[in-house]
Every structure is written in structure tokens, then in C-alpha cells.
Amino acid sequence: MAGFGTQPICRPDHDADRERSRSMTDRFRESGFTLLELLVSLIVLGLLVVGLNYGVRTGLDLLSMQSRQTSGTAELDSAYRVLRRLLTDIPRNPTSPINPATPPLAILFNGTADRLSFVGDLPTGIGTIRRADITILLREQSLLLSWKPHRHEFATTTPATMESELLHGVDRLEFAYFGLTVPGSSAGWAAEWAGPAIPELIRIHLGVSNAGARPWPDLIVAPQLATPET
């Protein structure tokens, strides 16, 4: 038909659309993480949390163990201090003659391998002492200090016996005594000692059931080094 020309047909530009879509996908990838990256990150974070939790738990266990060991050592040291003071300050019998050639005599001293009885002085806590009949023994894993006020023979009433626990968790208590057991013989260690003569040395061995406590040396006391009473 005259006067009418052929008009071009408009077609969508598929190549441009694909290019724009690819560009948007690339920008999305650059701005975020893929699913695999997120999974790897979560796994690493979980491992870090588990390791941190284990480290904290181990540190708390070590701290608790150290506290128990420190507490046990302090209790054992306190018990040894009490025993050393009591045995070092065993009073002399005021009626016995003073003879440098013979060992000093106690008011009462009777020792065996598992217990020791003597007359000694207990602190009252107010700066004074109280004379008492004392026995150191082991009963049901408890190191006990059994005592009662010392009375002369003319006392009309028998005082009550009291007990104080020095240390708990003790499996074994062993005493040994050094000195002249027989006149004229050489000095040596003995499992028993019958007074009133005071031995030169007293050795105490404690077997503590707490396996975490460090090995503790034997306590050796020299009661004859105490100043005699005047």
C-alpha cells in the first residue's frame, strides 16, 4: 500500500537481561555468605565453645584440688604444732631430785606404740595454762586429745574426761621413744616407754588417708629441752 512503510518489530533484549541478572547475583554473593561458609563458621564456633568450656572446667577442678590440699596441709600443720607444744612442755615432778646424770622425771608418763598418756599443761586461751591428765590416741580415723583436769589423790570426785579432735582422716598413729630403756645400756628407739622418766626424744608418725596431701615428715620432739620448773 502506498504511503505506508514497513515498521521494525521491537524484540526484548534477552542478552541485556541475563547480564543484569548475573551482575545482581554476583553483587549478592559479594555482600553475604554461602550456606557452606555459614556451616563451617558454626562448626568452628562450636569447637571454640567446647574448648573454652573444657578449659574453664579443668581450671576450676585444679583450683578446687589445690584448695583441698592447702586446707589439709594447714590442718596437719596445726595438729603438729599442738602436739609439739604439749610434748615439749611436759612438766617435771616437783618432788623428784634434780640429778644431771639421770633423765628428768615426769608427774606421769606412759607411752605405747599407739597411744601416749602424760600429765601436761593445756592452754586456756586467756594467757594461762591448766594442768591436765592427757592422752593422745587414734579412734575411727580421728586423732584425739583426751584430757581431764589433773587432781591429787585426795580429790573426792573424779573429773569428767573430755575429747578434742586434732585431725580427721588419719589411718595410722605410731609413737616411738628414744632413750635409755635399761640402765647401763646404750640409748635407742623403743615402741614402749614406762615412766616416770622422760625419754630424750618422742617420734610421732601419722598415716593420712587423704591421697592428695603431700607426704608429711615424722614429728620428733625433745621434751627434755624444756626448762625445768622451779
C-alpha atoms as a PDB file:
ATOM      1  CA  MET A   1       0.000   0.000   0.000  1.00  0.00           C
ATOM      2  CA  ALA A   2       1.251   3.344  -0.976  1.00  0.00           C
ATOM      3  CA  GLY A   3       2.245   5.727   1.772  1.00  0.00           C
ATOM      4  CA  PHE A   4       2.833   3.025   4.331  1.00  0.00           C
ATOM      5  CA  GLY A   5       6.314   1.848   5.004  1.00  0.00           C
ATOM      6  CA  THR A   6       7.438  -1.302   6.804  1.00  0.00           C
ATOM      7  CA  GLN A   7       7.944  -0.653  10.558  1.00  0.00           C
ATOM      8  CA  PRO A   8      10.564  -2.667  12.525  1.00  0.00           C
ATOM      9  CA  ILE A   9       9.278  -5.115  15.182  1.00  0.00           C
ATOM     10  CA  CYS A  10      10.611  -4.396  18.746  1.00  0.00           C
ATOM     11  CA  ARG A  11      12.073  -7.522  20.452  1.00  0.00           C
ATOM     12  CA  PRO A  12      13.218  -7.727  24.058  1.00  0.00           C
ATOM     13  CA  ASP A  13      16.935  -7.676  24.662  1.00  0.00           C
ATOM     14  CA  HIS A  14      17.406 -11.078  26.365  1.00  0.00           C
ATOM     15  CA  ASP A  15      21.162 -10.718  26.492  1.00  0.00           C
ATOM     16  CA  ALA A  16      20.924  -7.484  28.485  1.00  0.00           C
ATOM     17  CA  ASP A  17      18.502  -9.087  30.959  1.00  0.00           C
ATOM     18  CA  ARG A  18      20.799 -12.017  31.519  1.00  0.00           C
ATOM     19  CA  GLU A  19      23.732  -9.695  32.062  1.00  0.00           C
ATOM     20  CA  ARG A  20      21.807  -7.629  34.621  1.00  0.00           C
ATOM     21  CA  SER A  21      20.710 -10.812  36.455  1.00  0.00           C
ATOM     22  CA  ARG A  22      24.262 -12.130  36.550  1.00  0.00           C
ATOM     23  CA  SER A  23      25.511  -8.811  37.879  1.00  0.00           C
ATOM     24  CA  MET A  24      22.907  -8.771  40.671  1.00  0.00           C
ATOM     25  CA  THR A  25      23.810 -12.383  41.657  1.00  0.00           C
ATOM     26  CA  ASP A  26      27.494 -11.509  41.807  1.00  0.00           C
ATOM     27  CA  ARG A  27      26.753  -8.486  43.987  1.00  0.00           C
ATOM     28  CA  PHE A  28      24.628 -10.679  46.318  1.00  0.00           C
ATOM     29  CA  ARG A  29      27.406 -13.209  46.645  1.00  0.00           C
ATOM     30  CA  GLU A  30      29.926 -10.498  47.416  1.00  0.00           C
ATOM     31  CA  SER A  31      27.730  -8.982  50.125  1.00  0.00           C
ATOM     32  CA  GLY A  32      26.887 -12.237  52.084  1.00  0.00           C
ATOM     33  CA  PHE A  33      27.947 -15.815  52.905  1.00  0.00           C
ATOM     34  CA  THR A  34      27.076 -19.020  51.227  1.00  0.00           C
ATOM     35  CA  LEU A  35      25.375 -21.850  53.124  1.00  0.00           C
ATOM     36  CA  LEU A  36      28.607 -23.840  53.204  1.00  0.00           C
ATOM     37  CA  GLU A  37      30.512 -20.917  54.663  1.00  0.00           C
ATOM     38  CA  LEU A  38      27.863 -20.480  57.366  1.00  0.00           C
ATOM     39  CA  LEU A  39      28.041 -24.187  58.289  1.00  0.00           C
ATOM     40  CA  VAL A  40      31.829 -24.090  58.530  1.00  0.00           C
ATOM     41  CA  SER A  41      31.668 -20.968  60.694  1.00  0.00           C
ATOM     42  CA  LEU A  42      29.136 -22.584  63.054  1.00  0.00           C
ATOM     43  CA  ILE A  43      31.270 -25.718  63.384  1.00  0.00           C
ATOM     44  CA  VAL A  44      34.393 -23.690  64.211  1.00  0.00           C
ATOM     45  CA  LEU A  45      32.444 -21.589  66.731  1.00  0.00           C
ATOM     46  CA  GLY A  46      31.099 -24.758  68.386  1.00  0.00           C
ATOM     47  CA  LEU A  47      34.599 -26.193  68.682  1.00  0.00           C
ATOM     48  CA  LEU A  48      35.818 -22.974  70.261  1.00  0.00           C
ATOM     49  CA  VAL A  49      32.965 -23.008  72.813  1.00  0.00           C
ATOM     50  CA  VAL A  50      33.639 -26.665  73.697  1.00  0.00           C
ATOM     51  CA  GLY A  51      37.349 -25.989  74.139  1.00  0.00           C
ATOM     52  CA  LEU A  52      36.698 -22.923  76.277  1.00  0.00           C
ATOM     53  CA  ASN A  53      34.222 -24.831  78.448  1.00  0.00           C
ATOM     54  CA  TYR A  54      36.688 -27.693  78.933  1.00  0.00           C
ATOM     55  CA  GLY A  55      39.478 -25.273  79.816  1.00  0.00           C
ATOM     56  CA  VAL A  56      37.334 -23.463  82.392  1.00  0.00           C
ATOM     57  CA  ARG A  57      36.225 -26.769  83.935  1.00  0.00           C
ATOM     58  CA  THR A  58      39.820 -28.002  84.139  1.00  0.00           C
ATOM     59  CA  GLY A  59      40.906 -24.758  85.773  1.00  0.00           C
ATOM     60  CA  LEU A  60      38.125 -24.970  88.358  1.00  0.00           C
ATOM     61  CA  ASP A  61      38.997 -28.606  89.136  1.00  0.00           C
ATOM     62  CA  LEU A  62      42.657 -27.714  89.637  1.00  0.00           C
ATOM     63  CA  LEU A  63      41.720 -24.776  91.843  1.00  0.00           C
ATOM     64  CA  SER A  64      39.439 -26.982  93.944  1.00  0.00           C
ATOM     65  CA  MET A  65      42.150 -29.630  94.293  1.00  0.00           C
ATOM     66  CA  GLN A  66      44.705 -27.021  95.317  1.00  0.00           C
ATOM     67  CA  SER A  67      42.296 -25.624  97.899  1.00  0.00           C
ATOM     68  CA  ARG A  68      41.727 -29.086  99.389  1.00  0.00           C
ATOM     69  CA  GLN A  69      45.453 -29.743  99.540  1.00  0.00           C
ATOM     70  CA  THR A  70      46.100 -26.385 101.174  1.00  0.00           C
ATOM     71  CA  SER A  71      43.334 -26.974 103.707  1.00  0.00           C
ATOM     72  CA  GLY A  72      44.597 -30.474 104.521  1.00  0.00           C
ATOM     73  CA  THR A  73      48.168 -29.264 104.914  1.00  0.00           C
ATOM     74  CA  ALA A  74      47.065 -26.416 107.190  1.00  0.00           C
ATOM     75  CA  GLU A  75      45.087 -28.823 109.420  1.00  0.00           C
ATOM     76  CA  LEU A  76      48.026 -31.230 109.647  1.00  0.00           C
ATOM     77  CA  ASP A  77      50.427 -28.413 110.443  1.00  0.00           C
ATOM     78  CA  SER A  78      48.073 -27.115 113.159  1.00  0.00           C
ATOM     79  CA  ALA A  79      47.846 -30.581 114.748  1.00  0.00           C
ATOM     80  CA  TYR A  80      51.634 -30.918 114.739  1.00  0.00           C
ATOM     81  CA  ARG A  81      52.016 -27.533 116.395  1.00  0.00           C
ATOM     82  CA  VAL A  82      49.682 -28.559 119.226  1.00  0.00           C
ATOM     83  CA  LEU A  83      51.477 -31.874 119.732  1.00  0.00           C
ATOM     84  CA  ARG A  84      54.910 -30.247 119.683  1.00  0.00           C
ATOM     85  CA  ARG A  85      53.919 -27.690 122.287  1.00  0.00           C
ATOM     86  CA  LEU A  86      52.323 -30.244 124.610  1.00  0.00           C
ATOM     87  CA  LEU A  87      55.205 -32.720 124.437  1.00  0.00           C
ATOM     88  CA  THR A  88      57.968 -30.137 124.655  1.00  0.00           C
ATOM     89  CA  ASP A  89      56.456 -28.594 127.793  1.00  0.00           C
ATOM     90  CA  ILE A  90      55.869 -31.812 129.774  1.00  0.00           C
ATOM     91  CA  PRO A  91      56.207 -30.632 133.389  1.00  0.00           C
ATOM     92  CA  ARG A  92      58.714 -32.209 135.773  1.00  0.00           C
ATOM     93  CA  ASN A  93      57.738 -33.842 139.007  1.00  0.00           C
ATOM     94  CA  PRO A  94      58.483 -31.176 141.640  1.00  0.00           C
ATOM     95  CA  THR A  95      59.196 -33.839 144.273  1.00  0.00           C
ATOM     96  CA  SER A  96      61.876 -35.651 142.244  1.00  0.00           C
ATOM     97  CA  PRO A  97      65.537 -34.824 142.972  1.00  0.00           C
ATOM     98  CA  ILE A  98      67.489 -32.925 140.355  1.00  0.00           C
ATOM     99  CA  ASN A  99      70.320 -35.118 139.113  1.00  0.00           C
ATOM    100  CA  PRO A 100      72.058 -34.168 135.857  1.00  0.00           C
ATOM    101  CA  ALA A 101      73.254 -37.770 135.439  1.00  0.00           C
ATOM    102  CA  THR A 102      69.727 -39.182 135.247  1.00  0.00           C
ATOM    103  CA  PRO A 103      66.828 -38.258 132.939  1.00  0.00           C
ATOM    104  CA  PRO A 104      64.196 -35.914 134.389  1.00  0.00           C
ATOM    105  CA  LEU A 105      61.106 -37.441 135.924  1.00  0.00           C
ATOM    106  CA  ALA A 106      57.570 -36.547 134.878  1.00  0.00           C
ATOM    107  CA  ILE A 107      54.495 -36.487 137.065  1.00  0.00           C
ATOM    108  CA  LEU A 108      53.112 -39.225 134.805  1.00  0.00           C
ATOM    109  CA  PHE A 109      54.395 -40.642 131.546  1.00  0.00           C
ATOM    110  CA  ASN A 110      53.295 -43.886 129.941  1.00  0.00           C
ATOM    111  CA  GLY A 111      53.767 -44.474 126.229  1.00  0.00           C
ATOM    112  CA  THR A 112      52.927 -47.337 123.890  1.00  0.00           C
ATOM    113  CA  ALA A 113      53.103 -47.716 120.120  1.00  0.00           C
ATOM    114  CA  ASP A 114      49.561 -46.410 119.565  1.00  0.00           C
ATOM    115  CA  ARG A 115      48.911 -44.005 122.455  1.00  0.00           C
ATOM    116  CA  LEU A 116      50.661 -41.712 124.893  1.00  0.00           C
ATOM    117  CA  SER A 117      49.468 -40.647 128.349  1.00  0.00           C
ATOM    118  CA  PHE A 118      51.106 -37.970 130.479  1.00  0.00           C
ATOM    119  CA  VAL A 119      50.402 -35.047 132.764  1.00  0.00           C
ATOM    120  CA  GLY A 120      50.787 -31.801 130.881  1.00  0.00           C
ATOM    121  CA  ASP A 121      49.698 -28.201 130.653  1.00  0.00           C
ATOM    122  CA  LEU A 122      46.845 -27.137 128.378  1.00  0.00           C
ATOM    123  CA  PRO A 123      46.455 -23.506 127.284  1.00  0.00           C
ATOM    124  CA  THR A 124      43.181 -21.941 128.372  1.00  0.00           C
ATOM    125  CA  GLY A 125      43.064 -19.310 125.637  1.00  0.00           C
ATOM    126  CA  ILE A 126      43.268 -16.419 128.110  1.00  0.00           C
ATOM    127  CA  GLY A 127      47.017 -16.465 128.634  1.00  0.00           C
ATOM    128  CA  THR A 128      47.097 -19.111 131.362  1.00  0.00           C
ATOM    129  CA  ILE A 129      47.565 -22.891 131.457  1.00  0.00           C
ATOM    130  CA  ARG A 130      45.665 -25.700 133.099  1.00  0.00           C
ATOM    131  CA  ARG A 131      47.290 -28.897 134.304  1.00  0.00           C
ATOM    132  CA  ALA A 132      45.565 -31.981 132.949  1.00  0.00           C
ATOM    133  CA  ASP A 133      45.853 -35.734 132.505  1.00  0.00           C
ATOM    134  CA  ILE A 134      46.334 -36.028 128.722  1.00  0.00           C
ATOM    135  CA  THR A 135      46.104 -38.994 126.359  1.00  0.00           C
ATOM    136  CA  ILE A 136      46.867 -38.841 122.633  1.00  0.00           C
ATOM    137  CA  LEU A 137      45.187 -41.655 120.691  1.00  0.00           C
ATOM    138  CA  LEU A 138      43.583 -42.647 117.397  1.00  0.00           C
ATOM    139  CA  ARG A 139      39.933 -43.669 117.123  1.00  0.00           C
ATOM    140  CA  GLU A 140      37.859 -44.099 113.952  1.00  0.00           C
ATOM    141  CA  GLN A 141      40.350 -42.164 111.800  1.00  0.00           C
ATOM    142  CA  SER A 142      40.375 -39.242 114.253  1.00  0.00           C
ATOM    143  CA  LEU A 143      43.472 -38.085 116.082  1.00  0.00           C
ATOM    144  CA  LEU A 144      42.103 -37.275 119.514  1.00  0.00           C
ATOM    145  CA  LEU A 145      43.330 -35.357 122.515  1.00  0.00           C
ATOM    146  CA  SER A 146      41.598 -36.869 125.546  1.00  0.00           C
ATOM    147  CA  TRP A 147      42.036 -34.963 128.787  1.00  0.00           C
ATOM    148  CA  LYS A 148      40.629 -34.243 132.205  1.00  0.00           C
ATOM    149  CA  PRO A 149      41.712 -31.803 134.907  1.00  0.00           C
ATOM    150  CA  HIS A 150      44.574 -33.154 136.998  1.00  0.00           C
ATOM    151  CA  ARG A 151      43.628 -33.819 140.608  1.00  0.00           C
ATOM    152  CA  HIS A 152      45.649 -35.015 143.537  1.00  0.00           C
ATOM    153  CA  GLU A 153      44.920 -38.335 145.190  1.00  0.00           C
ATOM    154  CA  PHE A 154      42.837 -36.774 147.950  1.00  0.00           C
ATOM    155  CA  ALA A 155      40.263 -35.401 145.500  1.00  0.00           C
ATOM    156  CA  THR A 156      36.776 -36.609 146.398  1.00  0.00           C
ATOM    157  CA  THR A 157      35.293 -36.517 142.862  1.00  0.00           C
ATOM    158  CA  THR A 158      36.539 -37.870 139.560  1.00  0.00           C
ATOM    159  CA  PRO A 159      36.608 -35.148 136.897  1.00  0.00           C
ATOM    160  CA  ALA A 160      34.916 -35.817 133.583  1.00  0.00           C
ATOM    161  CA  THR A 161      37.046 -36.767 130.578  1.00  0.00           C
ATOM    162  CA  MET A 162      36.792 -34.527 127.516  1.00  0.00           C
ATOM    163  CA  GLU A 163      37.982 -35.116 123.967  1.00  0.00           C
ATOM    164  CA  SER A 164      39.125 -32.754 121.237  1.00  0.00           C
ATOM    165  CA  GLU A 165      39.720 -33.803 117.623  1.00  0.00           C
ATOM    166  CA  LEU A 166      43.083 -32.615 116.371  1.00  0.00           C
ATOM    167  CA  LEU A 167      42.899 -34.119 112.875  1.00  0.00           C
ATOM    168  CA  HIS A 168      40.445 -36.235 110.869  1.00  0.00           C
ATOM    169  CA  GLY A 169      41.260 -38.763 108.162  1.00  0.00           C
ATOM    170  CA  VAL A 170      44.197 -40.409 109.960  1.00  0.00           C
ATOM    171  CA  ASP A 171      44.733 -44.100 109.166  1.00  0.00           C
ATOM    172  CA  ARG A 172      47.724 -44.795 111.362  1.00  0.00           C
ATOM    173  CA  LEU A 173      49.310 -43.366 114.518  1.00  0.00           C
ATOM    174  CA  GLU A 174      52.698 -44.636 115.675  1.00  0.00           C
ATOM    175  CA  PHE A 175      54.787 -43.497 118.635  1.00  0.00           C
ATOM    176  CA  ALA A 176      58.457 -44.248 119.240  1.00  0.00           C
ATOM    177  CA  TYR A 177      60.648 -43.249 122.185  1.00  0.00           C
ATOM    178  CA  PHE A 178      64.406 -42.699 122.268  1.00  0.00           C
ATOM    179  CA  GLY A 179      66.491 -43.018 125.393  1.00  0.00           C
ATOM    180  CA  LEU A 180      67.923 -45.443 127.906  1.00  0.00           C
ATOM    181  CA  THR A 181      65.362 -48.184 128.413  1.00  0.00           C
ATOM    182  CA  VAL A 182      67.671 -50.177 130.688  1.00  0.00           C
ATOM    183  CA  PRO A 183      70.253 -48.544 132.974  1.00  0.00           C
ATOM    184  CA  GLY A 184      73.756 -49.128 131.709  1.00  0.00           C
ATOM    185  CA  SER A 185      72.688 -49.892 128.124  1.00  0.00           C
ATOM    186  CA  SER A 186      73.036 -47.688 125.065  1.00  0.00           C
ATOM    187  CA  ALA A 187      70.242 -45.358 124.042  1.00  0.00           C
ATOM    188  CA  GLY A 188      67.918 -46.453 121.252  1.00  0.00           C
ATOM    189  CA  TRP A 189      64.387 -46.321 119.903  1.00  0.00           C
ATOM    190  CA  ALA A 190      61.660 -48.300 121.631  1.00  0.00           C
ATOM    191  CA  ALA A 191      57.963 -48.878 120.894  1.00  0.00           C
ATOM    192  CA  GLU A 192      57.015 -48.550 124.582  1.00  0.00           C
ATOM    193  CA  TRP A 193      58.156 -46.321 127.416  1.00  0.00           C
ATOM    194  CA  ALA A 194      57.204 -46.704 131.064  1.00  0.00           C
ATOM    195  CA  GLY A 195      57.817 -43.545 133.100  1.00  0.00           C
ATOM    196  CA  PRO A 196      58.153 -41.596 135.126  1.00  0.00           C
ATOM    197  CA  ALA A 197      61.490 -40.953 133.364  1.00  0.00           C
ATOM    198  CA  ILE A 198      61.051 -38.746 130.314  1.00  0.00           C
ATOM    199  CA  PRO A 199      62.590 -40.031 127.063  1.00  0.00           C
ATOM    200  CA  GLU A 200      65.115 -37.941 125.230  1.00  0.00           C
ATOM    201  CA  LEU A 201      63.063 -37.912 122.020  1.00  0.00           C
ATOM    202  CA  ILE A 202      59.480 -38.729 121.025  1.00  0.00           C
ATOM    203  CA  ARG A 203      58.671 -39.537 117.423  1.00  0.00           C
ATOM    204  CA  ILE A 204      55.133 -39.387 116.007  1.00  0.00           C
ATOM    205  CA  HIS A 205      54.239 -40.863 112.625  1.00  0.00           C
ATOM    206  CA  LEU A 206      50.825 -40.166 111.089  1.00  0.00           C
ATOM    207  CA  GLY A 207      49.370 -42.008 108.117  1.00  0.00           C
ATOM    208  CA  VAL A 208      46.905 -39.606 106.493  1.00  0.00           C
ATOM    209  CA  SER A 209      44.193 -41.117 104.277  1.00  0.00           C
ATOM    210  CA  ASN A 210      43.978 -38.043 102.034  1.00  0.00           C
ATOM    211  CA  ALA A 211      45.916 -39.152  98.971  1.00  0.00           C
ATOM    212  CA  GLY A 212      46.082 -35.589  97.667  1.00  0.00           C
ATOM    213  CA  ALA A 213      48.020 -34.347 100.654  1.00  0.00           C
ATOM    214  CA  ARG A 214      51.763 -34.215 100.249  1.00  0.00           C
ATOM    215  CA  PRO A 215      53.871 -36.678 102.294  1.00  0.00           C
ATOM    216  CA  TRP A 216      54.425 -35.280 105.776  1.00  0.00           C
ATOM    217  CA  PRO A 217      57.615 -35.968 107.762  1.00  0.00           C
ATOM    218  CA  ASP A 218      57.549 -37.528 111.201  1.00  0.00           C
ATOM    219  CA  LEU A 219      57.293 -35.183 114.148  1.00  0.00           C
ATOM    220  CA  ILE A 220      60.248 -35.521 116.524  1.00  0.00           C
ATOM    221  CA  VAL A 221      60.102 -33.687 119.857  1.00  0.00           C
ATOM    222  CA  ALA A 222      62.777 -33.339 122.549  1.00  0.00           C
ATOM    223  CA  PRO A 223      60.840 -32.950 125.821  1.00  0.00           C
ATOM    224  CA  GLN A 224      63.994 -32.829 127.947  1.00  0.00           C
ATOM    225  CA  LEU A 225      64.912 -29.493 126.347  1.00  0.00           C
ATOM    226  CA  ALA A 226      62.117 -27.757 128.218  1.00  0.00           C
ATOM    227  CA  THR A 227      63.142 -25.519 131.097  1.00  0.00           C
ATOM    228  CA  PRO A 228      62.593 -27.329 134.418  1.00  0.00           C
ATOM    229  CA  GLU A 229      60.110 -25.808 136.787  1.00  0.00           C
ATOM    230  CA  THR A 230      61.435 -24.073 139.822  1.00  0.00           C
END
